[in-house]
Structures are given as structure tokens and as C-alpha cells.
């Protein structure tokens, strides 16, 4: 990931509609799947700047790892203490150390040379029957400028995610598209990015924000628009835990158990 993207992530995680909406979906799915379990040992594999890691503490004791020190510094600033700079492909933990693992937008990254090895490592550190909640970007044909900035190596199909999880020693319990409502405008945006035609950017900037040119997909909208976009994403927090099938999406979300 480009260095400035970590600064953008730390700035945006608490209020940008994509982060807050997707976090609500993930936490709702965990709440439903864990069914009241607490005091669990949880690994956030690729914790980034820690915005979601902080919220995972409601389920138990959380350890976060990330390859980038630029991510761990702001995570520590959020009050997280159990952090380690490490690769998801070589986790510095003993076998069967965790009850739950989460990995959000990590194994797709250029910094992960072998996603299969990363999933095997997560399986190794999970107890038998332990749960993994995995989220990855969907559809390799949807690559855009944001993918270049965040160093996307690959975007996934649902069948590919299921196949890789099973090969790594997991049993897939649930597989869903996510971020469905905003799929059509995202496709239109990607097509515009690839065309010779470019829509001029607005000169509007939120005070203290980073230039939209540096963050094409993470510009901070005005509050009312931001709230509307978050609501459009967060409606899935009521649908996905109930296994309501979604027809498409910008992400693939999987719940799997260590076999």
C-alpha cells in the first residue's frame, strides 16, 4: 500500500461510510455466528490502523498483526496494546492459539505472495472448530485506480474463495456477496476510469481532508451524503447474518470453521 494510504485509512476509519458500513456488517455477522460467546481469544490478521480491531474487543481478548509499521502506529494510538508486526504468511503464534480469526481486505494484497499459505497459517493458529471471518474484494475485472494505490494483487470470485478455504483446511459455513447496493455505481465508475472520457472532479474538500486525487475511492463526502451511503451498505448487517442471498457485490464475505 502507498504510504499515504495508511494516513488516509487512519483518518477515515471512524467516519467514512465504507469503513463504518462494512464494520457494521462484520460485527453483526460475528454477533450472530458467535451467539453470545464472549471471553474469546481473537486474532485480527491484518489489522491495519485498528478501527475494527478496537470493536472486536466486545467478543474477547484481541491480538492484531500487520506487516506495515505505518499501520500499527495509529492502531497503538487507539489504545490497542497486543499488536505485532508480522506477515500473515508467517504468524508468530503457536498452533491452536485462537478461538476466532478475522481478516478483512488482506489476503488480496501484493504484500501477500501466497494467499493459500496465508489461509493455512490462519488455520494453524485456530483451535479445531475455530471460526474465520474473511472478507476480500470481488471480481478481478473491477480493478481500478484505488486497486493500484492499495497494491491489489487479486480480486476474487465466490467459488475461488470457497475452494481456497477448503484447500487450507476449513469448512465453509457461509459465503456471501457484500456491498451490493453500491455495486452498479462502482461498475460505472470503473468503466469511466478506463475510458478516454474523464468526469471533472469537484473542487469541494472537507476541511482537513486529503486531496481526492490521492484517494479516488476514499474521498470523505459531506455528512448527509456520508450517512446515506453508510445506511445503504449497513442494511446488509440485517440481511447477511440471516443468510438472505445477495445477487452480486463488491466484496466476498466468508464464514469458515477450522476442520
Protein backbone atom coordinates (compact mmCIF):
# COMPACT_ATOMS: atom_id res chain seq x y z
CA UNK A 1 0.00 0.00 0.00
CA UNK A 2 1.25 3.51 -0.76
CA UNK A 3 2.47 5.18 2.44
CA UNK A 4 -0.10 7.94 2.36
CA UNK A 5 -2.92 5.39 2.18
CA UNK A 6 -2.27 4.44 5.84
CA UNK A 7 -2.68 8.06 6.86
CA UNK A 8 -5.91 8.19 4.85
CA UNK A 9 -7.10 4.94 6.47
CA UNK A 10 -6.41 6.20 9.99
CA UNK A 11 -8.22 9.45 9.21
CA UNK A 12 -11.22 7.81 7.59
CA UNK A 13 -11.85 4.60 9.58
CA UNK A 14 -14.10 6.13 12.23
CA UNK A 15 -16.39 8.10 9.93
CA UNK A 16 -16.08 7.21 6.25
CA UNK A 17 -19.21 5.40 5.03
CA UNK A 18 -17.39 2.39 3.56
CA UNK A 19 -15.44 1.63 6.74
CA UNK A 20 -18.34 2.24 9.12
CA UNK A 21 -20.89 0.43 6.96
CA UNK A 22 -18.73 -2.65 6.34
CA UNK A 23 -17.74 -2.74 10.01
CA UNK A 24 -21.41 -2.86 10.99
CA UNK A 25 -21.93 -5.79 8.62
CA UNK A 26 -18.92 -7.70 10.00
CA UNK A 27 -19.84 -7.11 13.65
CA UNK A 28 -23.46 -8.14 13.05
CA UNK A 29 -22.31 -11.35 11.39
CA UNK A 30 -19.91 -12.10 14.23
CA UNK A 31 -22.58 -11.39 16.85
CA UNK A 32 -24.99 -13.74 15.09
CA UNK A 33 -22.45 -16.51 14.49
CA UNK A 34 -20.83 -16.42 17.93
CA UNK A 35 -24.30 -16.50 19.54
CA UNK A 36 -23.42 -14.88 22.84
CA UNK A 37 -19.94 -16.31 23.25
CA UNK A 38 -17.54 -13.94 25.00
CA UNK A 39 -14.04 -14.05 26.50
CA UNK A 40 -12.71 -15.50 23.27
CA UNK A 41 -9.13 -15.30 22.04
CA UNK A 42 -9.28 -13.39 18.74
CA UNK A 43 -6.71 -12.71 16.04
CA UNK A 44 -7.21 -9.79 13.67
CA UNK A 45 -4.92 -10.89 10.85
CA UNK A 46 -4.02 -7.70 9.03
CA UNK A 47 -5.44 -5.19 11.50
CA UNK A 48 -4.43 -2.08 9.57
CA UNK A 49 -4.82 1.08 11.64
CA UNK A 50 -7.06 -0.71 14.14
CA UNK A 51 -10.51 0.78 13.60
CA UNK A 52 -12.22 -2.62 13.50
CA UNK A 53 -9.77 -4.29 15.92
CA UNK A 54 -10.95 -1.97 18.68
CA UNK A 55 -14.56 -3.08 18.13
CA UNK A 56 -13.63 -6.77 18.24
CA UNK A 57 -12.80 -6.40 21.94
CA UNK A 58 -16.51 -6.79 22.72
CA UNK A 59 -16.04 -10.51 21.96
CA UNK A 60 -12.90 -11.11 23.99
CA UNK A 61 -9.13 -10.65 24.04
CA UNK A 62 -7.84 -9.35 20.70
CA UNK A 63 -4.39 -9.56 19.13
CA UNK A 64 -3.69 -7.59 15.95
CA UNK A 65 -0.91 -8.14 13.43
CA UNK A 66 0.08 -6.16 10.38
CA UNK A 67 3.09 -6.13 8.10
CA UNK A 68 3.29 -2.32 7.99
CA UNK A 69 4.58 -0.29 10.91
CA UNK A 70 2.80 2.71 9.38
CA UNK A 71 -0.47 0.91 10.20
CA UNK A 72 0.48 -0.25 13.70
CA UNK A 73 1.45 3.22 14.94
CA UNK A 74 -2.09 4.66 14.65
CA UNK A 75 -3.52 1.33 15.89
CA UNK A 76 -1.50 1.72 19.08
CA UNK A 77 -2.81 5.27 19.31
CA UNK A 78 -6.34 3.79 19.55
CA UNK A 79 -5.36 2.10 22.81
CA UNK A 80 -4.57 -1.32 21.33
CA UNK A 81 -1.65 -2.95 23.14
CA UNK A 82 -1.48 -6.51 21.79
CA UNK A 83 -0.02 -5.72 18.38
CA UNK A 84 2.74 -7.36 16.39
CA UNK A 85 4.48 -6.50 13.14
CA UNK A 86 4.29 -9.76 11.23
CA UNK A 87 3.33 -11.38 7.95
CA UNK A 88 0.03 -13.19 7.64
CA UNK A 89 2.03 -15.90 5.85
CA UNK A 90 4.21 -16.48 8.96
CA UNK A 91 2.17 -15.84 12.07
CA UNK A 92 4.25 -15.64 15.27
CA UNK A 93 1.85 -17.75 17.35
CA UNK A 94 1.66 -21.36 18.48
CA UNK A 95 -0.76 -23.84 16.94
CA UNK A 96 -4.40 -23.64 18.07
CA UNK A 97 -3.87 -20.36 19.94
CA UNK A 98 -7.12 -18.61 18.93
CA UNK A 99 -10.87 -19.21 19.00
CA UNK A 100 -11.65 -16.69 16.25
CA UNK A 101 -9.71 -15.06 13.43
CA UNK A 102 -10.76 -12.15 11.25
CA UNK A 103 -9.08 -10.99 8.08
CA UNK A 104 -10.55 -8.02 6.24
CA UNK A 105 -9.15 -6.98 2.85
CA UNK A 106 -5.73 -8.59 3.46
CA UNK A 107 -5.03 -11.79 1.51
CA UNK A 108 -5.73 -9.97 -1.77
CA UNK A 109 -2.71 -7.69 -1.26
CA UNK A 110 0.59 -7.64 -3.16
CA UNK A 111 2.29 -7.95 0.22
CA UNK A 112 0.82 -11.46 0.49
CA UNK A 113 2.78 -13.51 -2.02
CA UNK A 114 0.78 -16.70 -1.42
CA UNK A 115 -2.83 -16.41 -0.28
CA UNK A 116 -3.09 -20.19 0.12
CA UNK A 117 -0.17 -20.16 2.56
CA UNK A 118 -1.77 -17.28 4.47
CA UNK A 119 -5.03 -19.19 4.87
CA UNK A 120 -3.12 -22.30 6.01
CA UNK A 121 -1.36 -20.19 8.64
CA UNK A 122 -4.67 -18.86 9.94
CA UNK A 123 -5.97 -22.42 10.08
CA UNK A 124 -2.85 -23.48 12.01
CA UNK A 125 -3.32 -20.91 14.77
CA UNK A 126 -7.06 -21.59 15.14
CA UNK A 127 -8.38 -24.22 17.52
CA UNK A 128 -10.31 -27.09 15.91
CA UNK A 129 -13.75 -25.71 15.20
CA UNK A 130 -12.42 -22.17 15.48
CA UNK A 131 -14.07 -19.55 13.28
CA UNK A 132 -12.63 -17.41 10.50
CA UNK A 133 -14.43 -14.36 9.13
CA UNK A 134 -12.79 -13.44 5.83
CA UNK A 135 -13.52 -10.52 3.52
CA UNK A 136 -11.82 -9.92 0.17
CA UNK A 137 -12.54 -7.65 -2.83
CA UNK A 138 -14.61 -9.25 -5.59
CA UNK A 139 -14.26 -9.52 -9.38
CA UNK A 140 -10.80 -9.11 -10.87
CA UNK A 141 -12.35 -7.27 -13.82
CA UNK A 142 -13.31 -4.47 -11.41
CA UNK A 143 -9.73 -3.33 -10.88
CA UNK A 144 -9.39 0.44 -10.78
CA UNK A 145 -7.18 3.29 -9.63
CA UNK A 146 -7.86 2.53 -5.97
CA UNK A 147 -6.56 -1.01 -6.51
CA UNK A 148 -3.31 0.42 -7.82
CA UNK A 149 -2.91 2.71 -4.81
CA UNK A 150 -3.58 -0.02 -2.25
CA UNK A 151 -1.48 -2.60 -4.14
CA UNK A 152 -4.21 -5.07 -5.04
CA UNK A 153 -2.76 -8.35 -6.27
CA UNK A 154 -6.06 -10.06 -6.99
CA UNK A 155 -9.84 -9.73 -6.65
CA UNK A 156 -11.85 -12.91 -6.03
CA UNK A 157 -14.92 -14.86 -7.08
CA UNK A 158 -17.05 -16.69 -4.51
CA UNK A 159 -16.13 -20.11 -5.90
CA UNK A 160 -12.42 -19.25 -5.69
CA UNK A 161 -12.75 -18.17 -2.06
CA UNK A 162 -14.59 -21.39 -1.18
CA UNK A 163 -12.01 -23.52 -2.98
CA UNK A 164 -9.04 -21.84 -1.29
CA UNK A 165 -10.61 -22.09 2.16
CA UNK A 166 -11.37 -25.78 1.76
CA UNK A 167 -7.85 -26.47 0.48
CA UNK A 168 -6.45 -24.71 3.56
CA UNK A 169 -8.38 -26.98 5.94
CA UNK A 170 -11.59 -25.05 6.52
CA UNK A 171 -15.22 -26.00 6.22
CA UNK A 172 -17.17 -23.12 4.67
CA UNK A 173 -20.27 -22.29 6.70
CA UNK A 174 -21.44 -19.20 4.81
CA UNK A 175 -20.41 -17.40 1.65
CA UNK A 176 -21.97 -14.12 0.60
CA UNK A 177 -21.52 -11.14 -1.62
CA UNK A 178 -21.25 -7.86 0.31
CA UNK A 179 -21.58 -4.18 -0.59
CA UNK A 180 -24.32 -4.98 -3.08
CA UNK A 181 -26.28 -1.73 -3.22
CA UNK A 182 -23.29 0.26 -4.46
CA UNK A 183 -22.17 -2.33 -6.99
CA UNK A 184 -23.81 -0.67 -10.06
CA UNK A 185 -22.32 2.81 -9.48
CA UNK A 186 -18.93 1.25 -8.73
CA UNK A 187 -19.01 -0.62 -12.04
CA UNK A 188 -19.91 2.61 -13.84
CA UNK A 189 -17.04 4.42 -12.13
CA UNK A 190 -14.53 1.74 -13.11
CA UNK A 191 -15.69 1.89 -16.73
CA UNK A 192 -15.29 5.67 -16.74
CA UNK A 193 -11.79 5.32 -15.30
CA UNK A 194 -10.83 3.11 -18.22
CA UNK A 195 -12.34 5.32 -20.89
CA UNK A 196 -10.75 8.32 -22.55
CA UNK A 197 -13.51 10.45 -21.01
CA UNK A 198 -12.89 11.79 -17.50
CA UNK A 199 -15.52 13.46 -15.37
CA UNK A 200 -14.04 16.66 -13.85
CA UNK A 201 -13.66 16.47 -10.09
CA UNK A 202 -15.48 18.86 -7.80
CA UNK A 203 -13.28 21.41 -6.08
CA UNK A 204 -15.10 20.72 -2.79
CA UNK A 205 -12.96 19.41 0.07
CA UNK A 206 -13.81 18.68 3.67
CA UNK A 207 -11.53 20.73 5.96
CA UNK A 208 -8.52 18.66 6.99
CA UNK A 209 -9.14 16.09 4.28
CA UNK A 210 -6.61 14.56 1.94
CA UNK A 211 -6.84 15.53 -1.73
CA UNK A 212 -9.42 13.48 -3.69
CA UNK A 213 -6.71 12.89 -6.29
CA UNK A 214 -4.75 10.92 -3.68
CA UNK A 215 -7.77 8.81 -2.63
CA UNK A 216 -10.17 8.31 -5.54
CA UNK A 217 -12.37 5.81 -3.68
CA UNK A 218 -12.00 7.23 -0.16
CA UNK A 219 -12.91 10.88 -0.51
CA UNK A 220 -14.85 11.94 2.57
CA UNK A 221 -18.35 13.08 1.47
CA UNK A 222 -20.34 15.77 3.30
CA UNK A 223 -22.12 14.43 6.42
CA UNK A 224 -25.60 13.86 4.94
CA UNK A 225 -24.28 12.05 1.87
CA UNK A 226 -21.87 10.05 4.04
CA UNK A 227 -24.76 8.95 6.30
CA UNK A 228 -26.88 7.93 3.32
CA UNK A 229 -24.08 5.87 1.81
CA UNK A 230 -23.34 4.20 5.16
CA UNK A 231 -27.02 3.26 5.52
CA UNK A 232 -27.01 1.77 2.02
CA UNK A 233 -24.12 -0.50 2.98
CA UNK A 234 -25.19 -1.20 6.56
CA UNK A 235 -28.62 -2.56 5.54
CA UNK A 236 -26.68 -5.74 4.77
CA UNK A 237 -26.00 -6.12 8.51
CA UNK A 238 -29.62 -7.27 8.79
CA UNK A 239 -29.55 -9.45 5.67
CA UNK A 240 -26.24 -11.35 5.62
CA UNK A 241 -26.49 -12.84 9.15
CA UNK A 242 -29.93 -14.19 8.17
CA UNK A 243 -28.41 -15.71 5.00
CA UNK A 244 -30.53 -13.61 2.67
CA UNK A 245 -28.90 -14.25 -0.74
CA UNK A 246 -27.44 -11.15 -2.38
CA UNK A 247 -27.16 -11.18 -6.20
CA UNK A 248 -23.73 -9.52 -6.52
CA UNK A 249 -21.34 -7.31 -4.60
CA UNK A 250 -18.03 -5.53 -4.42
CA UNK A 251 -16.73 -7.92 -1.75
CA UNK A 252 -16.88 -11.61 -0.87
CA UNK A 253 -17.59 -12.41 2.78
CA UNK A 254 -16.98 -15.91 4.16
CA UNK A 255 -17.53 -17.63 7.49
CA UNK A 256 -15.49 -20.82 7.83
CA UNK A 257 -14.61 -23.31 10.56
CA UNK A 258 -11.25 -24.94 11.15
CA UNK A 259 -11.78 -28.61 10.26
